[in-house]
Amino acid sequence: MKGIGTDEKAIIDVLAHRSNEQRQAIKNMFKTMFGKDLISELKSELTSSMEQISVALMLTPAEYDAKQLRDAISGAGTKEGTIIEILCSRSNKQIADIKAAYKFIYSADLEKDLMSDTSGHFRRLCISLLTGNRMEGQPVNLQKAQQDANELYQAGEKVLGTDESKFNQILCSQSFEQLRVVFEEYRKLAKKGLDQAVKSEMSGDLEKGMLAIVGVVENKHRYFAERLYHSMKGAGTKDDTLIRVIVTRCEIDMVQIKMEFQRTFGQTLESFIQGDTSGDYKNMLLALVSG
């Protein structure tokens, strides 16, 4: 970054081939050695999507999710897709870290901000997920799963109207492992998947949120593969989604997401990125997904 022009290749080589923990150490050492903030320097040297992805890589996972949620609920309109993706797929600890980061960065309470920006059953879903109170790490209970499957059936398919609070209660409190068995039991009972019940019983953001939970529970890697696919398919690229999924998953399960992407859409993720992006931004994305 020193002098005239910027060596984007060097930035890609360093940022895309280090872990987040290593990038945090680099950020701290940069300030120690040069008396400058690395994120501010990157912002001044880069533009557009290349700036966006480089800054995203320099934040801790909790800081990045907190900033994404802030962007989703501030300004004109609400980006419900961002809120749903983050809250439906993070662990209890990750949600606690996000809330702490949000408080530190913005001196504000994430729950209060979400409550003021959402409404109805979708608001309840968001707040339930934001408690980060899933029953993680407990053995699967088949009898409880059968009971919950029956309660979901009674709350939706079996009656005129829908008891959304029952769906909220079960889908937001049980572990993903337990919910997987609940969904299997539901299919036996109703002769259809819970996703089909949600589509027929709900609408709007609540439907999208419930479907996201079902998708993450049934196959988290396919859920993120679909998020990537729809961020690039059609006119224009939804760079916010593309960057967020790649940055947040590249150190966790990108290999499995790439496998699901190819299995589901018949193309490699790399070839999709090649055809939909360009320049240094494309090179950064490809470096991150290649591992």
Protein backbone atom coordinates (compact mmCIF):
# COMPACT_ATOMS: atom_id res chain seq x y z
CA MET A 1 0.00 0.00 0.00
CA LYS A 2 3.00 2.31 0.31
CA GLY A 3 3.65 4.83 -2.45
CA ILE A 4 1.67 5.34 -5.65
CA GLY A 5 -0.72 2.54 -6.57
CA THR A 6 -1.69 -0.55 -4.64
CA ASP A 7 -0.35 -4.09 -4.94
CA GLU A 8 -3.70 -5.89 -4.76
CA LYS A 9 -2.07 -9.26 -5.41
CA ALA A 10 0.02 -8.92 -2.26
CA ILE A 11 -3.08 -7.99 -0.26
CA ILE A 12 -4.90 -11.07 -1.60
CA ASP A 13 -1.89 -13.32 -0.93
CA VAL A 14 -1.76 -12.26 2.71
CA LEU A 15 -5.44 -11.83 3.65
CA ALA A 16 -6.85 -14.86 1.81
CA HIS A 17 -4.22 -17.32 3.05
CA ARG A 18 -4.30 -16.56 6.78
CA SER A 19 -6.76 -17.57 9.47
CA ASN A 20 -8.88 -14.92 11.15
CA GLU A 21 -6.77 -15.29 14.28
CA GLN A 22 -3.63 -14.63 12.24
CA ARG A 23 -5.22 -11.61 10.56
CA GLN A 24 -6.05 -10.14 13.98
CA ALA A 25 -2.39 -10.54 14.98
CA ILE A 26 -1.30 -8.89 11.71
CA LYS A 27 -3.69 -5.99 12.35
CA ASN A 28 -2.25 -5.44 15.82
CA MET A 29 1.35 -5.70 14.64
CA PHE A 30 0.66 -3.29 11.75
CA LYS A 31 -0.46 -0.65 14.25
CA THR A 32 2.58 -1.35 16.46
CA MET A 33 5.07 -1.05 13.58
CA PHE A 34 3.56 1.79 11.56
CA GLY A 35 1.26 3.66 13.96
CA LYS A 36 -1.65 3.25 11.55
CA ASP A 37 -4.91 1.33 11.57
CA LEU A 38 -4.82 -1.41 8.95
CA ILE A 39 -8.58 -1.34 8.28
CA SER A 40 -8.46 2.42 7.66
CA GLU A 41 -5.49 1.96 5.32
CA LEU A 42 -7.30 -0.75 3.35
CA LYS A 43 -10.36 1.50 3.04
CA SER A 44 -8.23 4.32 1.66
CA GLU A 45 -6.42 2.09 -0.85
CA LEU A 46 -9.26 -0.09 -2.15
CA THR A 47 -12.71 0.52 -3.59
CA SER A 48 -16.04 -1.18 -4.11
CA SER A 49 -16.35 -4.94 -3.49
CA MET A 50 -12.60 -5.39 -3.05
CA GLU A 51 -12.66 -2.91 -0.18
CA GLN A 52 -15.76 -4.56 1.28
CA ILE A 53 -14.31 -8.08 1.34
CA SER A 54 -10.89 -6.97 2.60
CA VAL A 55 -12.41 -5.06 5.53
CA ALA A 56 -14.70 -8.02 6.29
CA LEU A 57 -11.68 -10.32 6.53
CA MET A 58 -9.99 -8.00 9.05
CA LEU A 59 -12.87 -8.08 11.53
CA THR A 60 -13.39 -10.84 14.07
CA PRO A 61 -16.36 -13.13 13.23
CA ALA A 62 -18.46 -11.56 16.00
CA GLU A 63 -17.61 -7.99 14.91
CA TYR A 64 -18.44 -8.81 11.30
CA ASP A 65 -21.80 -10.41 12.14
CA ALA A 66 -22.63 -7.49 14.45
CA LYS A 67 -21.86 -4.99 11.68
CA GLN A 68 -23.88 -7.00 9.15
CA LEU A 69 -26.87 -7.00 11.50
CA ARG A 70 -26.47 -3.26 12.13
CA ASP A 71 -26.46 -2.63 8.37
CA ALA A 72 -29.52 -4.86 8.01
CA ILE A 73 -31.63 -2.93 10.53
CA SER A 74 -30.40 0.64 10.03
CA GLY A 75 -31.19 2.96 7.16
CA ALA A 76 -34.08 2.67 4.73
CA GLY A 77 -35.72 -0.73 4.74
CA THR A 78 -34.69 -3.88 6.57
CA LYS A 79 -32.55 -6.63 5.05
CA GLU A 80 -34.49 -9.53 6.53
CA GLY A 81 -32.44 -12.09 4.57
CA THR A 82 -29.28 -11.06 6.42
CA ILE A 83 -30.97 -11.21 9.82
CA ILE A 84 -32.43 -14.65 9.06
CA GLU A 85 -29.17 -16.11 7.74
CA ILE A 86 -27.11 -15.01 10.74
CA LEU A 87 -29.56 -15.76 13.55
CA CYS A 88 -30.69 -19.12 12.14
CA SER A 89 -27.22 -20.56 11.61
CA ARG A 90 -25.08 -19.42 14.56
CA SER A 91 -24.44 -21.35 17.78
CA ASN A 92 -25.38 -20.11 21.27
CA LYS A 93 -21.82 -18.92 21.90
CA GLN A 94 -21.60 -17.16 18.55
CA ILE A 95 -24.86 -15.31 19.25
CA ALA A 96 -23.62 -14.27 22.70
CA ASP A 97 -20.37 -12.99 21.12
CA ILE A 98 -22.33 -11.10 18.44
CA LYS A 99 -24.49 -9.37 21.07
CA ALA A 100 -21.39 -8.40 23.07
CA ALA A 101 -19.62 -7.08 19.94
CA TYR A 102 -22.72 -5.09 18.95
CA LYS A 103 -22.90 -3.53 22.41
CA PHE A 104 -19.18 -2.65 22.31
CA ILE A 105 -19.18 -1.17 18.79
CA TYR A 106 -22.50 0.71 18.84
CA SER A 107 -23.19 1.21 22.58
CA ALA A 108 -26.64 -0.20 21.83
CA ASP A 109 -28.65 -3.30 22.61
CA LEU A 110 -29.12 -5.58 19.61
CA GLU A 111 -32.40 -6.99 20.93
CA LYS A 112 -33.92 -3.53 21.35
CA ASP A 113 -32.76 -2.48 17.89
CA LEU A 114 -34.21 -5.63 16.34
CA MET A 115 -37.49 -5.18 18.18
CA SER A 116 -37.87 -1.63 16.90
CA ASP A 117 -37.18 -2.69 13.30
CA THR A 118 -39.30 -5.85 13.00
CA SER A 119 -42.89 -6.76 13.85
CA GLY A 120 -45.38 -9.54 14.47
CA HIS A 121 -44.45 -13.21 14.44
CA PHE A 122 -41.20 -12.47 12.57
CA ARG A 123 -40.11 -10.23 15.45
CA ARG A 124 -40.86 -13.04 17.91
CA LEU A 125 -38.82 -15.46 15.84
CA CYS A 126 -35.84 -13.06 15.76
CA ILE A 127 -35.97 -12.38 19.49
CA SER A 128 -36.30 -16.11 20.31
CA LEU A 129 -33.24 -16.89 18.17
CA LEU A 130 -31.33 -13.95 19.65
CA THR A 131 -31.63 -15.38 23.16
CA GLY A 132 -29.05 -17.99 22.05
CA ASN A 133 -30.69 -20.53 24.31
CA ARG A 134 -30.82 -23.69 22.21
CA MET A 135 -30.45 -26.99 24.08
CA GLU A 136 -27.03 -27.78 22.65
CA GLY A 137 -24.98 -30.88 23.43
CA GLN A 138 -27.79 -33.04 24.78
CA PRO A 139 -28.51 -36.62 23.63
CA VAL A 140 -31.34 -37.03 21.12
CA ASN A 141 -34.64 -37.96 22.76
CA LEU A 142 -36.86 -39.94 20.36
CA GLN A 143 -39.94 -39.77 22.58
CA LYS A 144 -39.63 -35.98 22.87
CA ALA A 145 -39.12 -35.76 19.09
CA GLN A 146 -42.32 -37.74 18.46
CA GLN A 147 -44.21 -35.50 20.89
CA ASP A 148 -42.87 -32.31 19.26
CA ALA A 149 -43.64 -33.63 15.77
CA ASN A 150 -47.23 -34.29 16.84
CA GLU A 151 -47.52 -30.83 18.39
CA LEU A 152 -46.26 -29.22 15.17
CA TYR A 153 -48.77 -31.27 13.19
CA GLN A 154 -51.60 -30.24 15.52
CA ALA A 155 -50.49 -26.58 15.31
CA GLY A 156 -50.44 -26.48 11.51
CA GLU A 157 -51.70 -29.12 9.14
CA LYS A 158 -54.36 -30.52 11.44
CA VAL A 159 -56.22 -27.29 12.17
CA LEU A 160 -57.70 -24.33 10.36
CA GLY A 161 -55.23 -21.51 10.97
CA THR A 162 -51.75 -21.87 12.39
CA ASP A 163 -50.38 -21.71 15.91
CA GLU A 164 -47.15 -19.90 15.00
CA SER A 165 -46.03 -19.74 18.62
CA LYS A 166 -45.78 -23.54 18.76
CA PHE A 167 -43.49 -23.58 15.71
CA ASN A 168 -41.46 -20.79 17.29
CA GLN A 169 -41.20 -22.60 20.62
CA ILE A 170 -39.93 -25.88 19.16
CA LEU A 171 -37.75 -24.66 16.29
CA CYS A 172 -35.93 -22.06 18.41
CA SER A 173 -35.28 -24.13 21.53
CA GLN A 174 -34.29 -27.65 20.44
CA SER A 175 -30.78 -28.57 19.28
CA PHE A 176 -30.20 -29.05 15.56
CA GLU A 177 -29.59 -32.77 16.20
CA GLN A 178 -32.89 -33.09 18.07
CA LEU A 179 -34.78 -31.10 15.42
CA ARG A 180 -33.45 -33.41 12.71
CA VAL A 181 -35.25 -36.30 14.41
CA VAL A 182 -38.36 -34.16 14.98
CA PHE A 183 -38.49 -33.48 11.23
CA GLU A 184 -38.14 -37.19 10.44
CA GLU A 185 -40.99 -38.00 12.81
CA TYR A 186 -43.07 -35.20 11.32
CA ARG A 187 -42.63 -36.64 7.83
CA LYS A 188 -43.85 -40.05 9.05
CA LEU A 189 -46.89 -38.44 10.64
CA ALA A 190 -47.89 -35.89 7.99
CA LYS A 191 -46.56 -37.72 4.90
CA LYS A 192 -44.75 -34.53 3.90
CA GLY A 193 -41.73 -32.52 5.02
CA LEU A 194 -42.03 -29.70 7.55
CA ASP A 195 -40.81 -27.29 4.87
CA GLN A 196 -43.96 -28.00 2.86
CA ALA A 197 -46.11 -27.36 5.94
CA VAL A 198 -44.33 -24.04 6.56
CA LYS A 199 -44.88 -22.98 2.94
CA SER A 200 -48.60 -23.76 3.11
CA GLU A 201 -49.16 -22.34 6.61
CA MET A 202 -47.00 -19.19 6.67
CA SER A 203 -45.95 -16.29 4.46
CA GLY A 204 -43.51 -13.40 4.19
CA ASP A 205 -40.49 -13.06 6.45
CA LEU A 206 -41.81 -15.54 9.00
CA GLU A 207 -42.00 -18.21 6.29
CA LYS A 208 -38.47 -17.38 5.13
CA GLY A 209 -37.15 -17.53 8.68
CA MET A 210 -38.79 -20.86 9.48
CA LEU A 211 -37.63 -22.33 6.17
CA ALA A 212 -34.08 -21.17 6.93
CA ILE A 213 -34.12 -23.04 10.26
CA VAL A 214 -35.44 -26.16 8.51
CA GLY A 215 -32.78 -25.80 5.80
CA VAL A 216 -29.92 -25.34 8.29
CA VAL A 217 -31.10 -28.29 10.38
CA GLU A 218 -31.53 -30.66 7.45
CA ASN A 219 -28.34 -29.73 5.60
CA LYS A 220 -26.41 -26.61 6.63
CA HIS A 221 -23.92 -27.00 3.77
CA ARG A 222 -26.70 -27.10 1.17
CA TYR A 223 -28.35 -24.07 2.82
CA PHE A 224 -25.19 -22.00 2.35
CA ALA A 225 -24.64 -23.41 -1.16
CA GLU A 226 -28.11 -22.16 -2.07
CA ARG A 227 -27.36 -18.75 -0.54
CA LEU A 228 -24.25 -18.50 -2.71
CA TYR A 229 -26.07 -19.65 -5.84
CA HIS A 230 -28.88 -17.12 -5.48
CA SER A 231 -26.40 -14.32 -4.69
CA MET A 232 -24.91 -14.77 -8.18
CA LYS A 233 -27.79 -16.08 -10.31
CA GLY A 234 -29.77 -13.69 -12.46
CA ALA A 235 -29.23 -10.00 -13.13
CA GLY A 236 -26.63 -8.41 -10.89
CA THR A 237 -24.68 -9.94 -8.03
CA LYS A 238 -25.80 -9.63 -4.41
CA ASP A 239 -22.26 -8.91 -3.22
CA ASP A 240 -23.26 -8.48 0.44
CA THR A 241 -24.54 -12.05 0.60
CA LEU A 242 -21.73 -13.49 -1.53
CA ILE A 243 -19.05 -11.86 0.61
CA ARG A 244 -20.74 -12.68 3.92
CA VAL A 245 -21.17 -16.38 3.21
CA ILE A 246 -17.64 -16.83 1.86
CA VAL A 247 -15.97 -14.81 4.62
CA THR A 248 -17.93 -16.48 7.44
CA ARG A 249 -17.66 -20.06 6.12
CA CYS A 250 -14.21 -20.18 4.46
CA GLU A 251 -12.51 -21.44 7.64
CA ILE A 252 -15.36 -23.68 8.78
CA ASP A 253 -16.99 -25.82 6.09
CA MET A 254 -16.25 -24.40 2.64
CA VAL A 255 -15.11 -27.79 1.32
CA GLN A 256 -18.50 -29.32 2.16
CA ILE A 257 -20.38 -26.27 0.84
CA LYS A 258 -18.52 -26.57 -2.48
CA MET A 259 -19.45 -30.25 -2.70
CA GLU A 260 -23.12 -29.44 -2.07
CA PHE A 261 -22.98 -26.59 -4.59
CA GLN A 262 -21.76 -28.91 -7.34
CA ARG A 263 -24.17 -31.69 -6.34
CA THR A 264 -27.17 -29.34 -6.28
CA PHE A 265 -26.45 -27.05 -9.23
CA GLY A 266 -24.22 -29.15 -11.50
CA GLN A 267 -21.41 -26.60 -11.56
CA THR A 268 -18.44 -25.89 -9.36
CA LEU A 269 -18.61 -22.86 -7.10
CA GLU A 270 -15.32 -21.67 -8.63
CA SER A 271 -16.76 -21.69 -12.17
CA PHE A 272 -19.81 -19.74 -10.96
CA ILE A 273 -17.57 -17.11 -9.34
CA GLN A 274 -15.43 -16.94 -12.49
CA GLY A 275 -18.48 -16.19 -14.60
CA ASP A 276 -20.08 -13.68 -12.26
CA THR A 277 -17.25 -11.53 -10.88
CA SER A 278 -14.08 -9.93 -12.21
CA GLY A 279 -10.67 -8.46 -11.42
CA ASP A 280 -9.05 -8.50 -7.99
CA TYR A 281 -12.42 -9.12 -6.33
CA LYS A 282 -12.79 -12.36 -8.27
CA ASN A 283 -9.23 -13.37 -7.40
CA MET A 284 -9.87 -12.75 -3.69
CA LEU A 285 -13.07 -14.82 -3.75
CA LEU A 286 -11.37 -17.69 -5.58
CA ALA A 287 -8.42 -17.63 -3.16
CA LEU A 288 -10.80 -17.84 -0.19
CA VAL A 289 -12.91 -20.72 -1.52
CA SER A 290 -9.86 -22.71 -2.67
CA GLY A 291 -8.63 -22.91 0.96
